[in-house]
Amino acid sequence: MSKPAIQMDRVSFSYDRSPVLEEVDLTIEAREFACIIGPNGGGKTTLLKLALGLLAPDKGTVKVFGGRPEEARVRI
């Protein structure tokens, strides 16, 4: 079985002590399509920035193809 394309386990992130994401679990398998929808200010862009390694989570882990997002960014 292949590793998930994106895996987030108990990810939390805040901007200046204002929580944006709390305890998020997300798994997107390779070759799977996903859609992220929600209201303005709901954390969609922050979630994608975490997956790309542009931001680091306050808590939890983010893996892309089993490794660090910064290393796998070119494969997304």
PDB file of N, CA and C in Angstrom:
ATOM      1  N   MET A   1       0.848  -1.183   0.000  1.00  0.00           N
ATOM      2  CA  MET A   1       0.000   0.000   0.000  1.00  0.00           C
ATOM      3  C   MET A   1       0.891   1.243   0.000  1.00  0.00           C
ATOM      4  N   SER A   2       0.544   2.235  -0.817  1.00  0.00           N
ATOM      5  CA  SER A   2       1.347   3.450  -0.900  1.00  0.00           C
ATOM      6  C   SER A   2       1.020   4.400   0.252  1.00  0.00           C
ATOM      7  N   LYS A   3       1.934   5.325   0.482  1.00  0.00           N
ATOM      8  CA  LYS A   3       1.729   6.325   1.526  1.00  0.00           C
ATOM      9  C   LYS A   3       0.731   7.367   1.032  1.00  0.00           C
ATOM     10  N   PRO A   4      -0.036   7.951   1.953  1.00  0.00           N
ATOM     11  CA  PRO A   4      -0.970   9.000   1.543  1.00  0.00           C
ATOM     12  C   PRO A   4      -0.223  10.176   0.914  1.00  0.00           C
ATOM     13  N   ALA A   5      -0.864  10.849  -0.017  1.00  0.00           N
ATOM     14  CA  ALA A   5      -0.263  12.042  -0.614  1.00  0.00           C
ATOM     15  C   ALA A   5      -0.115  13.123   0.449  1.00  0.00           C
ATOM     16  N   ILE A   6      -1.158  13.325   1.236  1.00  0.00           N
ATOM     17  CA  ILE A   6      -1.125  14.306   2.324  1.00  0.00           C
ATOM     18  C   ILE A   6      -1.745  13.674   3.554  1.00  0.00           C
ATOM     19  N   GLN A   7      -1.049  13.793   4.675  1.00  0.00           N
ATOM     20  CA  GLN A   7      -1.595  13.287   5.930  1.00  0.00           C
ATOM     21  C   GLN A   7      -1.331  14.305   7.034  1.00  0.00           C
ATOM     22  N   MET A   8      -2.395  14.694   7.717  1.00  0.00           N
ATOM     23  CA  MET A   8      -2.305  15.596   8.861  1.00  0.00           C
ATOM     24  C   MET A   8      -2.900  14.881  10.063  1.00  0.00           C
ATOM     25  N   ASP A   9      -2.162  14.903  11.146  1.00  0.00           N
ATOM     26  CA  ASP A   9      -2.611  14.259  12.377  1.00  0.00           C
ATOM     27  C   ASP A   9      -2.623  15.272  13.510  1.00  0.00           C
ATOM     28  N   ARG A  10      -3.827  15.558  14.003  1.00  0.00           N
ATOM     29  CA  ARG A  10      -4.025  16.436  15.154  1.00  0.00           C
ATOM     30  C   ARG A  10      -3.320  17.781  14.978  1.00  0.00           C
ATOM     31  N   VAL A  11      -3.486  18.380  13.812  1.00  0.00           N
ATOM     32  CA  VAL A  11      -2.811  19.634  13.472  1.00  0.00           C
ATOM     33  C   VAL A  11      -3.590  20.830  14.022  1.00  0.00           C
ATOM     34  N   SER A  12      -2.856  21.698  14.699  1.00  0.00           N
ATOM     35  CA  SER A  12      -3.413  22.956  15.194  1.00  0.00           C
ATOM     36  C   SER A  12      -2.513  24.094  14.725  1.00  0.00           C
ATOM     37  N   PHE A  13      -3.126  25.244  14.452  1.00  0.00           N
ATOM     38  CA  PHE A  13      -2.360  26.413  14.027  1.00  0.00           C
ATOM     39  C   PHE A  13      -3.088  27.666  14.474  1.00  0.00           C
ATOM     40  N   SER A  14      -2.319  28.656  14.912  1.00  0.00           N
ATOM     41  CA  SER A  14      -2.870  29.943  15.340  1.00  0.00           C
ATOM     42  C   SER A  14      -2.071  31.076  14.718  1.00  0.00           C
ATOM     43  N   TYR A  15      -2.754  32.170  14.434  1.00  0.00           N
ATOM     44  CA  TYR A  15      -2.097  33.419  14.055  1.00  0.00           C
ATOM     45  C   TYR A  15      -2.186  34.337  15.268  1.00  0.00           C
ATOM     46  N   ASP A  16      -1.054  34.742  15.800  1.00  0.00           N
ATOM     47  CA  ASP A  16      -1.032  35.655  16.958  1.00  0.00           C
ATOM     48  C   ASP A  16      -2.008  35.229  18.053  1.00  0.00           C
ATOM     49  N   ARG A  17      -1.940  33.991  18.436  1.00  0.00           N
ATOM     50  CA  ARG A  17      -2.760  33.400  19.506  1.00  0.00           C
ATOM     51  C   ARG A  17      -4.246  33.276  19.166  1.00  0.00           C
ATOM     52  N   SER A  18      -4.604  33.555  17.928  1.00  0.00           N
ATOM     53  CA  SER A  18      -5.991  33.349  17.490  1.00  0.00           C
ATOM     54  C   SER A  18      -6.055  32.020  16.747  1.00  0.00           C
ATOM     55  N   PRO A  19      -6.693  31.006  17.342  1.00  0.00           N
ATOM     56  CA  PRO A  19      -6.729  29.695  16.700  1.00  0.00           C
ATOM     57  C   PRO A  19      -7.470  29.724  15.365  1.00  0.00           C
ATOM     58  N   VAL A  20      -6.855  29.082  14.377  1.00  0.00           N
ATOM     59  CA  VAL A  20      -7.464  28.974  13.053  1.00  0.00           C
ATOM     60  C   VAL A  20      -7.860  27.526  12.797  1.00  0.00           C
ATOM     61  N   LEU A  21      -6.968  26.600  13.126  1.00  0.00           N
ATOM     62  CA  LEU A  21      -7.224  25.167  12.986  1.00  0.00           C
ATOM     63  C   LEU A  21      -6.950  24.498  14.322  1.00  0.00           C
ATOM     64  N   GLU A  22      -7.822  23.596  14.735  1.00  0.00           N
ATOM     65  CA  GLU A  22      -7.637  22.885  15.997  1.00  0.00           C
ATOM     66  C   GLU A  22      -7.851  21.391  15.800  1.00  0.00           C
ATOM     67  N   GLU A  23      -6.807  20.615  16.098  1.00  0.00           N
ATOM     68  CA  GLU A  23      -6.879  19.148  16.103  1.00  0.00           C
ATOM     69  C   GLU A  23      -7.416  18.576  14.784  1.00  0.00           C
ATOM     70  N   VAL A  24      -6.925  19.064  13.663  1.00  0.00           N
ATOM     71  CA  VAL A  24      -7.400  18.623  12.345  1.00  0.00           C
ATOM     72  C   VAL A  24      -6.728  17.309  11.950  1.00  0.00           C
ATOM     73  N   ASP A  25      -7.530  16.344  11.551  1.00  0.00           N
ATOM     74  CA  ASP A  25      -7.048  15.087  10.967  1.00  0.00           C
ATOM     75  C   ASP A  25      -7.511  15.062   9.517  1.00  0.00           C
ATOM     76  N   LEU A  26      -6.573  14.797   8.609  1.00  0.00           N
ATOM     77  CA  LEU A  26      -6.900  14.780   7.188  1.00  0.00           C
ATOM     78  C   LEU A  26      -5.989  13.791   6.485  1.00  0.00           C
ATOM     79  N   THR A  27      -6.567  12.950   5.655  1.00  0.00           N
ATOM     80  CA  THR A  27      -5.782  12.036   4.823  1.00  0.00           C
ATOM     81  C   THR A  27      -6.310  12.116   3.403  1.00  0.00           C
ATOM     82  N   ILE A  28      -5.407  12.402   2.477  1.00  0.00           N
ATOM     83  CA  ILE A  28      -5.732  12.402   1.055  1.00  0.00           C
ATOM     84  C   ILE A  28      -4.796  11.404   0.398  1.00  0.00           C
ATOM     85  N   GLU A  29      -5.375  10.364  -0.152  1.00  0.00           N
ATOM     86  CA  GLU A  29      -4.579   9.313  -0.785  1.00  0.00           C
ATOM     87  C   GLU A  29      -4.033   9.784  -2.134  1.00  0.00           C
ATOM     88  N   ALA A  30      -2.950   9.169  -2.565  1.00  0.00           N
ATOM     89  CA  ALA A  30      -2.398   9.461  -3.884  1.00  0.00           C
ATOM     90  C   ALA A  30      -3.462   9.182  -4.945  1.00  0.00           C
ATOM     91  N   ARG A  31      -3.517  10.010  -5.945  1.00  0.00           N
ATOM     92  CA  ARG A  31      -4.465   9.917  -7.060  1.00  0.00           C
ATOM     93  C   ARG A  31      -5.918  10.171  -6.646  1.00  0.00           C
ATOM     94  N   GLU A  32      -6.120  10.679  -5.456  1.00  0.00           N
ATOM     95  CA  GLU A  32      -7.457  11.005  -4.972  1.00  0.00           C
ATOM     96  C   GLU A  32      -7.677  12.505  -5.125  1.00  0.00           C
ATOM     97  N   PHE A  33      -8.886  12.906  -5.454  1.00  0.00           N
ATOM     98  CA  PHE A  33      -9.231  14.313  -5.549  1.00  0.00           C
ATOM     99  C   PHE A  33      -9.910  14.737  -4.253  1.00  0.00           C
ATOM    100  N   ALA A  34      -9.638  15.966  -3.828  1.00  0.00           N
ATOM    101  CA  ALA A  34     -10.269  16.500  -2.626  1.00  0.00           C
ATOM    102  C   ALA A  34     -10.666  17.947  -2.884  1.00  0.00           C
ATOM    103  N   CYS A  35     -11.714  18.368  -2.229  1.00  0.00           N
ATOM    104  CA  CYS A  35     -12.192  19.741  -2.342  1.00  0.00           C
ATOM    105  C   CYS A  35     -12.289  20.309  -0.930  1.00  0.00           C
ATOM    106  N   ILE A  36     -11.731  21.470  -0.733  1.00  0.00           N
ATOM    107  CA  ILE A  36     -11.789  22.114   0.579  1.00  0.00           C
ATOM    108  C   ILE A  36     -12.708  23.320   0.443  1.00  0.00           C
ATOM    109  N   ILE A  37     -13.818  23.272   1.151  1.00  0.00           N
ATOM    110  CA  ILE A  37     -14.782  24.367   1.085  1.00  0.00           C
ATOM    111  C   ILE A  37     -15.073  24.858   2.492  1.00  0.00           C
ATOM    112  N   GLY A  38     -15.497  26.098   2.591  1.00  0.00           N
ATOM    113  CA  GLY A  38     -15.850  26.662   3.879  1.00  0.00           C
ATOM    114  C   GLY A  38     -15.972  28.166   3.779  1.00  0.00           C
ATOM    115  N   PRO A  39     -16.377  28.795   4.869  1.00  0.00           N
ATOM    116  CA  PRO A  39     -16.590  30.245   4.861  1.00  0.00           C
ATOM    117  C   PRO A  39     -15.270  31.012   4.831  1.00  0.00           C
ATOM    118  N   ASN A  40     -15.363  32.307   4.513  1.00  0.00           N
ATOM    119  CA  ASN A  40     -14.195  33.177   4.604  1.00  0.00           C
ATOM    120  C   ASN A  40     -13.640  33.115   6.023  1.00  0.00           C
ATOM    121  N   GLY A  41     -12.336  33.018   6.136  1.00  0.00           N
ATOM    122  CA  GLY A  41     -11.710  32.963   7.451  1.00  0.00           C
ATOM    123  C   GLY A  41     -11.804  31.608   8.114  1.00  0.00           C
ATOM    124  N   GLY A  42     -12.207  30.594   7.367  1.00  0.00           N
ATOM    125  CA  GLY A  42     -12.395  29.263   7.936  1.00  0.00           C
ATOM    126  C   GLY A  42     -11.139  28.412   8.019  1.00  0.00           C
ATOM    127  N   GLY A  43     -10.021  28.879   7.455  1.00  0.00           N
ATOM    128  CA  GLY A  43      -8.770  28.139   7.558  1.00  0.00           C
ATOM    129  C   GLY A  43      -8.371  27.356   6.318  1.00  0.00           C
ATOM    130  N   LYS A  44      -9.083  27.549   5.212  1.00  0.00           N
ATOM    131  CA  LYS A  44      -8.780  26.786   3.987  1.00  0.00           C
ATOM    132  C   LYS A  44      -7.377  27.078   3.465  1.00  0.00           C
ATOM    133  N   THR A  45      -7.034  28.342   3.333  1.00  0.00           N
ATOM    134  CA  THR A  45      -5.712  28.717   2.829  1.00  0.00           C
ATOM    135  C   THR A  45      -4.628  28.295   3.802  1.00  0.00           C
ATOM    136  N   THR A  46      -4.879  28.438   5.081  1.00  0.00           N
ATOM    137  CA  THR A  46      -3.909  28.012   6.090  1.00  0.00           C
ATOM    138  C   THR A  46      -3.658  26.516   5.986  1.00  0.00           C
ATOM    139  N   LEU A  47      -4.700  25.742   5.782  1.00  0.00           N
ATOM    140  CA  LEU A  47      -4.564  24.296   5.620  1.00  0.00           C
ATOM    141  C   LEU A  47      -3.658  23.965   4.435  1.00  0.00           C
ATOM    142  N   LEU A  48      -3.865  24.648   3.315  1.00  0.00           N
ATOM    143  CA  LEU A  48      -3.038  24.414   2.131  1.00  0.00           C
ATOM    144  C   LEU A  48      -1.598  24.868   2.351  1.00  0.00           C
ATOM    145  N   LYS A  49      -1.405  25.984   3.045  1.00  0.00           N
ATOM    146  CA  LYS A  49      -0.043  26.451   3.338  1.00  0.00           C
ATOM    147  C   LYS A  49       0.695  25.464   4.239  1.00  0.00           C
ATOM    148  N   LEU A  50      -0.016  24.837   5.151  1.00  0.00           N
ATOM    149  CA  LEU A  50       0.594  23.797   5.987  1.00  0.00           C
ATOM    150  C   LEU A  50       0.995  22.595   5.138  1.00  0.00           C
ATOM    151  N   ALA A  51       0.135  22.206   4.207  1.00  0.00           N
ATOM    152  CA  ALA A  51       0.433  21.062   3.336  1.00  0.00           C
ATOM    153  C   ALA A  51       1.623  21.341   2.428  1.00  0.00           C
ATOM    154  N   LEU A  52       1.824  22.598   2.061  1.00  0.00           N
ATOM    155  CA  LEU A  52       2.945  22.974   1.197  1.00  0.00           C
ATOM    156  C   LEU A  52       4.230  23.246   1.974  1.00  0.00           C
ATOM    157  N   GLY A  53       4.128  23.271   3.300  1.00  0.00           N
ATOM    158  CA  GLY A  53       5.306  23.556   4.105  1.00  0.00           C
ATOM    159  C   GLY A  53       5.627  25.034   4.197  1.00  0.00           C
ATOM    160  N   LEU A  54       4.688  25.883   3.807  1.00  0.00           N
ATOM    161  CA  LEU A  54       4.897  27.324   3.913  1.00  0.00           C
ATOM    162  C   LEU A  54       4.666  27.809   5.337  1.00  0.00           C
ATOM    163  N   LEU A  55       3.905  27.048   6.105  1.00  0.00           N
ATOM    164  CA  LEU A  55       3.686  27.295   7.528  1.00  0.00           C
ATOM    165  C   LEU A  55       3.977  26.003   8.279  1.00  0.00           C
ATOM    166  N   ALA A  56       4.367  26.133   9.531  1.00  0.00           N
ATOM    167  CA  ALA A  56       4.583  24.965  10.391  1.00  0.00           C
ATOM    168  C   ALA A  56       3.458  24.912  11.427  1.00  0.00           C
ATOM    169  N   PRO A  57       2.927  23.732  11.706  1.00  0.00           N
ATOM    170  CA  PRO A  57       1.840  23.643  12.691  1.00  0.00           C
ATOM    171  C   PRO A  57       2.336  23.943  14.101  1.00  0.00           C
ATOM    172  N   ASP A  58       1.445  24.494  14.924  1.00  0.00           N
ATOM    173  CA  ASP A  58       1.760  24.688  16.341  1.00  0.00           C
ATOM    174  C   ASP A  58       1.812  23.337  17.043  1.00  0.00           C
ATOM    175  N   LYS A  59       0.925  22.443  16.641  1.00  0.00           N
ATOM    176  CA  LYS A  59       0.853  21.080  17.184  1.00  0.00           C
ATOM    177  C   LYS A  59       0.531  20.134  16.046  1.00  0.00           C
ATOM    178  N   GLY A  60       0.859  18.877  16.244  1.00  0.00           N
ATOM    179  CA  GLY A  60       0.517  17.855  15.272  1.00  0.00           C
ATOM    180  C   GLY A  60       1.584  17.679  14.208  1.00  0.00           C
ATOM    181  N   THR A  61       1.286  16.783  13.259  1.00  0.00           N
ATOM    182  CA  THR A  61       2.244  16.487  12.198  1.00  0.00           C
ATOM    183  C   THR A  61       1.588  16.596  10.829  1.00  0.00           C
ATOM    184  N   VAL A  62       2.401  17.026   9.876  1.00  0.00           N
ATOM    185  CA  VAL A  62       1.989  17.101   8.479  1.00  0.00           C
ATOM    186  C   VAL A  62       3.007  16.308   7.676  1.00  0.00           C
ATOM    187  N   LYS A  63       2.526  15.360   6.884  1.00  0.00           N
ATOM    188  CA  LYS A  63       3.402  14.581   6.013  1.00  0.00           C
ATOM    189  C   LYS A  63       2.852  14.617   4.596  1.00  0.00           C
ATOM    190  N   VAL A  64       3.760  14.743   3.652  1.00  0.00           N
ATOM    191  CA  VAL A  64       3.403  14.720   2.238  1.00  0.00           C
ATOM    192  C   VAL A  64       4.229  13.618   1.594  1.00  0.00           C
ATOM    193  N   PHE A  65       3.557  12.633   1.040  1.00  0.00           N
ATOM    194  CA  PHE A  65       4.214  11.438   0.497  1.00  0.00           C
ATOM    195  C   PHE A  65       5.165  10.822   1.529  1.00  0.00           C
ATOM    196  N   GLY A  66       4.770  10.850   2.813  1.00  0.00           N
ATOM    197  CA  GLY A  66       5.525  10.222   3.885  1.00  0.00           C
ATOM    198  C   GLY A  66       6.670  11.036   4.437  1.00  0.00           C
ATOM    199  N   GLY A  67       6.906  12.222   3.907  1.00  0.00           N
ATOM    200  CA  GLY A  67       8.024  13.050   4.364  1.00  0.00           C
ATOM    201  C   GLY A  67       7.582  14.453   4.728  1.00  0.00           C
ATOM    202  N   ARG A  68       8.564  15.306   4.937  1.00  0.00           N
ATOM    203  CA  ARG A  68       8.284  16.699   5.280  1.00  0.00           C
ATOM    204  C   ARG A  68       7.698  17.428   4.069  1.00  0.00           C
ATOM    205  N   PRO A  69       6.732  18.306   4.296  1.00  0.00           N
ATOM    206  CA  PRO A  69       6.106  19.014   3.181  1.00  0.00           C
ATOM    207  C   PRO A  69       7.102  19.809   2.336  1.00  0.00           C
ATOM    208  N   GLU A  70       8.099  20.407   2.973  1.00  0.00           N
ATOM    209  CA  GLU A  70       9.078  21.213   2.244  1.00  0.00           C
ATOM    210  C   GLU A  70       9.822  20.380   1.206  1.00  0.00           C
ATOM    211  N   GLU A  71      10.064  19.129   1.535  1.00  0.00           N
ATOM    212  CA  GLU A  71      10.816  18.249   0.643  1.00  0.00           C
ATOM    213  C   GLU A  71       9.951  17.721  -0.501  1.00  0.00           C
ATOM    214  N   ALA A  72       8.663  17.599  -0.263  1.00  0.00           N
ATOM    215  CA  ALA A  72       7.766  17.008  -1.262  1.00  0.00           C
ATOM    216  C   ALA A  72       7.002  18.055  -2.066  1.00  0.00           C
ATOM    217  N   ARG A  73       7.214  19.314  -1.780  1.00  0.00           N
ATOM    218  CA  ARG A  73       6.444  20.397  -2.401  1.00  0.00           C
ATOM    219  C   ARG A  73       6.405  20.300  -3.924  1.00  0.00           C
ATOM    220  N   VAL A  74       7.495  19.909  -4.536  1.00  0.00           N
ATOM    221  CA  VAL A  74       7.549  19.852  -6.003  1.00  0.00           C
ATOM    222  C   VAL A  74       6.666  18.750  -6.577  1.00  0.00           C
ATOM    223  N   ARG A  75       6.236  17.791  -5.761  1.00  0.00           N
ATOM    224  CA  ARG A  75       5.406  16.681  -6.234  1.00  0.00           C
ATOM    225  C   ARG A  75       3.914  16.967  -6.135  1.00  0.00           C
ATOM    226  N   ILE A  76       3.545  18.067  -5.509  1.00  0.00           N
ATOM    227  CA  ILE A  76       2.120  18.374  -5.307  1.00  0.00           C
ATOM    228  C   ILE A  76       1.587  19.102  -6.529  1.00  0.00           C
TER     229      ILE A  76
END
